[in-house]
C-alpha atoms as a PDB file:
ATOM      1  CA  GLN A   1     106.467  82.919  94.189  1.00  0.00           C
ATOM      2  CA  VAL A   2     103.658  80.505  93.659  1.00  0.00           C
ATOM      3  CA  GLU A   3     100.505  80.439  95.827  1.00  0.00           C
ATOM      4  CA  VAL A   4      98.252  77.501  96.551  1.00  0.00           C
ATOM      5  CA  ALA A   5      94.727  77.144  97.210  1.00  0.00           C
ATOM      6  CA  GLU A   6      92.396  74.357  98.087  1.00  0.00           C
ATOM      7  CA  SER A   7      88.623  74.438  97.829  1.00  0.00           C
ATOM      8  CA  GLY A   8      85.182  71.569  97.504  1.00  0.00           C
ATOM      9  CA  GLY A   9      85.436  70.107 101.185  1.00  0.00           C
ATOM     10  CA  GLY A  10      83.041  69.088 103.189  1.00  0.00           C
ATOM     11  CA  SER A  11      81.415  66.484 105.095  1.00  0.00           C
ATOM     12  CA  VAL A  12      79.319  63.445 103.022  1.00  0.00           C
ATOM     13  CA  GLN A  13      78.394  60.670 103.692  1.00  0.00           C
ATOM     14  CA  ALA A  14      79.754  57.556 102.502  1.00  0.00           C
ATOM     15  CA  GLY A  15      79.029  56.255  98.270  1.00  0.00           C
ATOM     16  CA  GLU A  16      78.925  59.972  97.297  1.00  0.00           C
ATOM     17  CA  SER A  17      80.734  62.809  95.296  1.00  0.00           C
ATOM     18  CA  LEU A  18      83.138  66.021  96.387  1.00  0.00           C
ATOM     19  CA  ARG A  19      85.560  67.771  93.669  1.00  0.00           C
ATOM     20  CA  LEU A  20      88.187  69.591  94.779  1.00  0.00           C
ATOM     21  CA  SER A  21      90.008  72.162  93.612  1.00  0.00           C
ATOM     22  CA  CYS A  22      93.136  73.544  93.482  1.00  0.00           C
ATOM     23  CA  LEU A  23      94.618  77.335  92.170  1.00  0.00           C
ATOM     24  CA  VAL A  24      97.608  78.494  91.613  1.00  0.00           C
ATOM     25  CA  SER A  25      98.494  81.880  91.262  1.00  0.00           C
ATOM     26  CA  GLY A  26     101.813  84.030  91.399  1.00  0.00           C
ATOM     27  CA  LYS A  27     104.368  82.906  89.093  1.00  0.00           C
ATOM     28  CA  THR A  28     102.153  80.343  87.596  1.00  0.00           C
ATOM     29  CA  TRP A  29     104.221  80.057  84.114  1.00  0.00           C
ATOM     30  CA  THR A  30     106.910  78.324  86.272  1.00  0.00           C
ATOM     31  CA  VAL A  31     104.365  75.065  87.565  1.00  0.00           C
ATOM     32  CA  GLY A  32     105.498  71.910  86.592  1.00  0.00           C
ATOM     33  CA  GLY A  33     103.746  68.839  87.849  1.00  0.00           C
ATOM     34  CA  MET A  34     101.622  68.920  90.807  1.00  0.00           C
ATOM     35  CA  ALA A  35      99.441  66.747  93.177  1.00  0.00           C
ATOM     36  CA  TRP A  36      97.034  65.752  95.767  1.00  0.00           C
ATOM     37  CA  TYR A  37      98.109  64.227  98.301  1.00  0.00           C
ATOM     38  CA  ARG A  38      95.465  63.522 102.207  1.00  0.00           C
ATOM     39  CA  ARG A  39      96.483  63.520 105.424  1.00  0.00           C
ATOM     40  CA  GLU A  40      94.404  61.396 108.445  1.00  0.00           C
ATOM     41  CA  SER A  41      94.567  62.980 112.277  1.00  0.00           C
ATOM     42  CA  GLY A  42      98.215  61.295 113.189  1.00  0.00           C
ATOM     43  CA  LYS A  43      99.313  59.368 110.350  1.00  0.00           C
ATOM     44  CA  GLU A  44     101.969  60.567 107.308  1.00  0.00           C
ATOM     45  CA  ARG A  45     100.872  61.908 104.642  1.00  0.00           C
ATOM     46  CA  GLU A  46      99.602  60.549 101.614  1.00  0.00           C
ATOM     47  CA  LEU A  47      99.821  60.856  97.628  1.00  0.00           C
ATOM     48  CA  VAL A  48      96.393  60.641  96.532  1.00  0.00           C
ATOM     49  CA  ALA A  49      97.199  61.826  92.770  1.00  0.00           C
ATOM     50  CA  ARG A  50      99.732  63.734  89.944  1.00  0.00           C
ATOM     51  CA  ILE A  51      99.609  65.643  86.946  1.00  0.00           C
ATOM     52  CA  THR A  52     101.711  66.512  84.347  1.00  0.00           C
ATOM     53  CA  ARG A  53     102.024  69.390  83.684  1.00  0.00           C
ATOM     54  CA  GLY A  54     100.445  69.134  80.002  1.00  0.00           C
ATOM     55  CA  GLY A  55      97.738  67.211  82.430  1.00  0.00           C
ATOM     56  CA  VAL A  56      98.923  64.107  81.475  1.00  0.00           C
ATOM     57  CA  PRO A  57      97.614  61.841  85.376  1.00  0.00           C
ATOM     58  CA  ARG A  58     100.148  60.167  86.389  1.00  0.00           C
ATOM     59  CA  GLU A  59      99.777  58.256  89.090  1.00  0.00           C
ATOM     60  CA  TYR A  60      97.356  57.250  91.748  1.00  0.00           C
ATOM     61  CA  ALA A  61      97.103  55.712  94.686  1.00  0.00           C
ATOM     62  CA  ASP A  62      96.426  52.322  94.856  1.00  0.00           C
ATOM     63  CA  SER A  63      93.150  52.726  97.387  1.00  0.00           C
ATOM     64  CA  VAL A  64      91.268  55.181  95.147  1.00  0.00           C
ATOM     65  CA  LYS A  65      91.978  53.882  91.298  1.00  0.00           C
ATOM     66  CA  GLY A  66      88.606  53.666  89.709  1.00  0.00           C
ATOM     67  CA  ARG A  67      86.792  56.522  92.407  1.00  0.00           C
ATOM     68  CA  PHE A  68      88.586  59.728  91.830  1.00  0.00           C
ATOM     69  CA  LYS A  69      90.225  61.651  89.097  1.00  0.00           C
ATOM     70  CA  ILE A  70      92.544  64.357  88.544  1.00  0.00           C
ATOM     71  CA  SER A  71      91.992  67.323  85.746  1.00  0.00           C
ATOM     72  CA  ARG A  72      94.121  70.448  84.998  1.00  0.00           C
ATOM     73  CA  ASP A  73      92.899  73.221  83.361  1.00  0.00           C
ATOM     74  CA  ASN A  74      96.309  75.078  82.602  1.00  0.00           C
ATOM     75  CA  ASP A  75      94.740  78.320  81.023  1.00  0.00           C
ATOM     76  CA  LYS A  76      92.352  78.391  84.682  1.00  0.00           C
ATOM     77  CA  ASN A  77      95.646  77.658  86.908  1.00  0.00           C
ATOM     78  CA  ARG A  78      93.630  75.002  88.457  1.00  0.00           C
ATOM     79  CA  VAL A  79      93.902  71.380  88.880  1.00  0.00           C
ATOM     80  CA  ASP A  80      90.952  69.669  90.662  1.00  0.00           C
ATOM     81  CA  LEU A  81      90.120  66.623  91.967  1.00  0.00           C
ATOM     82  CA  GLN A  82      86.746  64.499  91.335  1.00  0.00           C
ATOM     83  CA  MET A  83      86.122  62.089  94.218  1.00  0.00           C
ATOM     84  CA  ASP A  84      83.640  59.297  93.727  1.00  0.00           C
ATOM     85  CA  ASN A  85      81.991  56.606  95.680  1.00  0.00           C
ATOM     86  CA  LEU A  86      83.255  57.945  98.972  1.00  0.00           C
ATOM     87  CA  ARG A  87      84.865  55.863 101.861  1.00  0.00           C
ATOM     88  CA  PRO A  88      84.963  56.305 104.777  1.00  0.00           C
ATOM     89  CA  GLU A  89      88.427  55.810 105.233  1.00  0.00           C
ATOM     90  CA  ASP A  90      88.963  58.660 102.529  1.00  0.00           C
ATOM     91  CA  SER A  91      88.414  60.874 105.633  1.00  0.00           C
ATOM     92  CA  ALA A  92      91.522  63.361 105.467  1.00  0.00           C
ATOM     93  CA  VAL A  93      92.703  67.044 105.084  1.00  0.00           C
ATOM     94  CA  TYR A  94      93.576  67.081 101.503  1.00  0.00           C
ATOM     95  CA  TYR A  95      96.650  69.358 100.182  1.00  0.00           C
ATOM     96  CA  CYS A  96      97.694  70.744  97.105  1.00  0.00           C
ATOM     97  CA  ASP A  97     101.193  70.662  95.796  1.00  0.00           C
ATOM     98  CA  ALA A  98     102.408  72.328  93.558  1.00  0.00           C
ATOM     99  CA  SER A  99     106.155  71.990  92.188  1.00  0.00           C
ATOM    100  CA  ALA A 100     107.941  74.986  90.408  1.00  0.00           C
ATOM    101  CA  SER A 101     111.318  75.705  89.832  1.00  0.00           C
ATOM    102  CA  GLY A 102     112.272  73.190  92.097  1.00  0.00           C
ATOM    103  CA  LEU A 103     110.112  74.338  95.038  1.00  0.00           C
ATOM    104  CA  ALA A 104     107.707  72.703  96.374  1.00  0.00           C
ATOM    105  CA  TYR A 105     104.188  74.933  97.147  1.00  0.00           C
ATOM    106  CA  TRP A 106     101.071  74.080  99.662  1.00  0.00           C
ATOM    107  CA  GLY A 107      98.627  74.826 100.143  1.00  0.00           C
ATOM    108  CA  GLN A 108      95.880  75.442 103.998  1.00  0.00           C
ATOM    109  CA  GLY A 109      94.348  72.210 102.497  1.00  0.00           C
ATOM    110  CA  THR A 110      91.243  71.150 103.079  1.00  0.00           C
ATOM    111  CA  GLN A 111      89.000  69.032 105.195  1.00  0.00           C
ATOM    112  CA  VAL A 112      86.827  65.804 103.521  1.00  0.00           C
ATOM    113  CA  THR A 113      84.667  64.168 106.434  1.00  0.00           C
ATOM    114  CA  VAL A 114      83.005  60.505 104.677  1.00  0.00           C
ATOM    115  CA  SER A 115      80.628  59.489 107.526  1.00  0.00           C
ATOM    116  CA  THR A 116      78.542  55.560 107.431  1.00  0.00           C
END
Protein backbone atom coordinates (compact mmCIF):
# COMPACT_ATOMS: atom_id res chain seq x y z
CA GLN A 1 0.00 0.00 0.00
CA VAL A 2 1.19 3.50 -0.89
CA GLU A 3 -0.19 6.75 0.47
CA VAL A 4 0.14 10.06 -1.33
CA ALA A 5 -0.33 13.51 0.18
CA GLU A 6 -0.14 16.83 -1.62
CA SER A 7 0.51 20.21 -0.06
CA GLY A 8 1.51 23.73 -1.00
CA GLY A 9 -1.54 25.03 -2.78
CA GLY A 10 -2.98 28.46 -2.17
CA SER A 11 -4.25 31.69 -3.65
CA VAL A 12 -1.84 33.96 -5.50
CA GLN A 13 -1.90 36.70 -8.08
CA ALA A 14 -0.90 36.27 -11.70
CA GLY A 15 2.84 36.25 -12.14
CA GLU A 16 3.57 34.87 -8.69
CA SER A 17 4.94 31.44 -7.78
CA LEU A 18 3.92 28.41 -5.76
CA ARG A 19 5.69 25.19 -4.93
CA LEU A 20 3.62 22.06 -4.54
CA SER A 21 4.93 19.02 -2.69
CA CYS A 22 3.88 15.40 -2.86
CA LEU A 23 4.93 13.10 -0.03
CA VAL A 24 4.75 9.36 -0.47
CA SER A 25 4.55 6.94 2.44
CA GLY A 26 4.01 3.23 2.94
CA LYS A 27 5.72 0.87 0.51
CA THR A 28 7.76 3.65 -1.03
CA TRP A 29 10.30 1.24 -2.53
CA THR A 30 7.62 0.05 -4.94
CA VAL A 31 6.99 3.50 -6.41
CA GLY A 32 8.16 4.06 -9.96
CA GLY A 33 7.20 7.04 -12.07
CA MET A 34 5.23 9.91 -10.58
CA ALA A 35 3.25 12.75 -12.04
CA TRP A 36 1.27 15.88 -11.32
CA TYR A 37 -2.17 16.31 -12.81
CA ARG A 38 -4.72 19.07 -12.46
CA ARG A 39 -8.45 19.38 -12.85
CA GLU A 40 -10.39 22.56 -13.36
CA SER A 41 -13.99 22.49 -12.31
CA GLY A 42 -16.11 20.91 -15.02
CA LYS A 43 -13.14 19.82 -17.12
CA GLU A 44 -11.18 16.66 -17.69
CA ARG A 45 -8.09 15.90 -15.66
CA GLU A 46 -4.94 17.13 -17.40
CA LEU A 47 -1.39 15.84 -17.11
CA VAL A 48 0.89 18.66 -15.96
CA ALA A 49 4.25 16.95 -15.61
CA ARG A 50 5.76 13.51 -15.27
CA ILE A 51 9.02 12.30 -13.75
CA THR A 52 10.80 8.96 -13.76
CA ARG A 53 11.79 6.89 -10.77
CA GLY A 54 15.32 8.16 -11.21
CA GLY A 55 14.25 11.80 -11.16
CA VAL A 56 14.32 12.60 -14.87
CA PRO A 57 11.49 14.85 -16.04
CA ARG A 58 9.76 13.12 -18.93
CA GLU A 59 6.87 15.24 -19.99
CA TYR A 60 5.32 18.66 -19.48
CA ALA A 61 2.00 19.96 -20.72
CA ASP A 62 2.56 22.53 -23.47
CA SER A 63 0.75 25.14 -21.41
CA VAL A 64 3.28 24.94 -18.56
CA LYS A 65 6.56 24.44 -20.42
CA GLY A 66 9.13 26.99 -19.35
CA ARG A 67 7.10 27.97 -16.26
CA PHE A 68 6.78 24.76 -14.24
CA LYS A 69 9.48 22.39 -13.10
CA ILE A 70 9.05 18.94 -11.62
CA SER A 71 11.70 17.47 -9.35
CA ARG A 72 12.13 14.44 -7.16
CA ASP A 73 14.02 13.54 -3.99
CA ASN A 74 13.85 9.79 -3.38
CA ASP A 75 15.62 10.08 -0.03
CA LYS A 76 12.70 12.18 1.16
CA ASN A 77 10.05 10.28 -0.84
CA ARG A 78 8.98 13.54 -2.31
CA VAL A 79 8.13 15.07 -5.68
CA ASP A 80 7.80 18.83 -6.04
CA LEU A 81 6.25 21.02 -8.67
CA GLN A 82 7.72 24.52 -8.86
CA MET A 83 5.24 26.79 -10.57
CA ASP A 84 6.44 30.19 -11.71
CA ASN A 85 4.73 33.01 -13.57
CA LEU A 86 1.33 31.60 -12.70
CA ARG A 87 -1.67 32.48 -14.82
CA PRO A 88 -5.39 32.48 -14.01
CA GLU A 89 -5.81 29.48 -16.32
CA ASP A 90 -3.51 27.51 -14.00
CA SER A 91 -6.24 27.60 -11.35
CA ALA A 92 -7.25 24.03 -10.57
CA VAL A 93 -7.01 21.24 -8.04
CA TYR A 94 -3.59 19.65 -8.43
CA TYR A 95 -3.17 15.95 -7.82
CA CYS A 96 -0.10 13.79 -7.40
CA ASP A 97 -0.03 10.32 -8.92
CA ALA A 98 2.37 7.60 -7.83
CA SER A 99 2.68 4.43 -9.88
CA ALA A 100 3.50 1.36 -7.83
CA SER A 101 3.23 -2.32 -8.68
CA GLY A 102 1.00 -1.63 -11.64
CA LEU A 103 -1.40 0.55 -9.68
CA ALA A 104 -1.94 4.30 -9.53
CA TYR A 105 -2.15 5.98 -6.15
CA TRP A 106 -3.64 9.45 -5.78
CA GLY A 107 -3.75 12.04 -3.09
CA GLN A 108 -6.68 14.26 -2.14
CA GLY A 109 -5.39 17.17 -4.17
CA THR A 110 -4.42 20.73 -3.35
CA GLN A 111 -6.22 23.80 -4.64
CA VAL A 112 -4.35 26.45 -6.63
CA THR A 113 -6.15 29.70 -7.36
CA VAL A 114 -4.57 32.43 -9.48
CA SER A 115 -6.26 35.80 -9.71
CA THR A 116 -5.62 38.72 -12.06
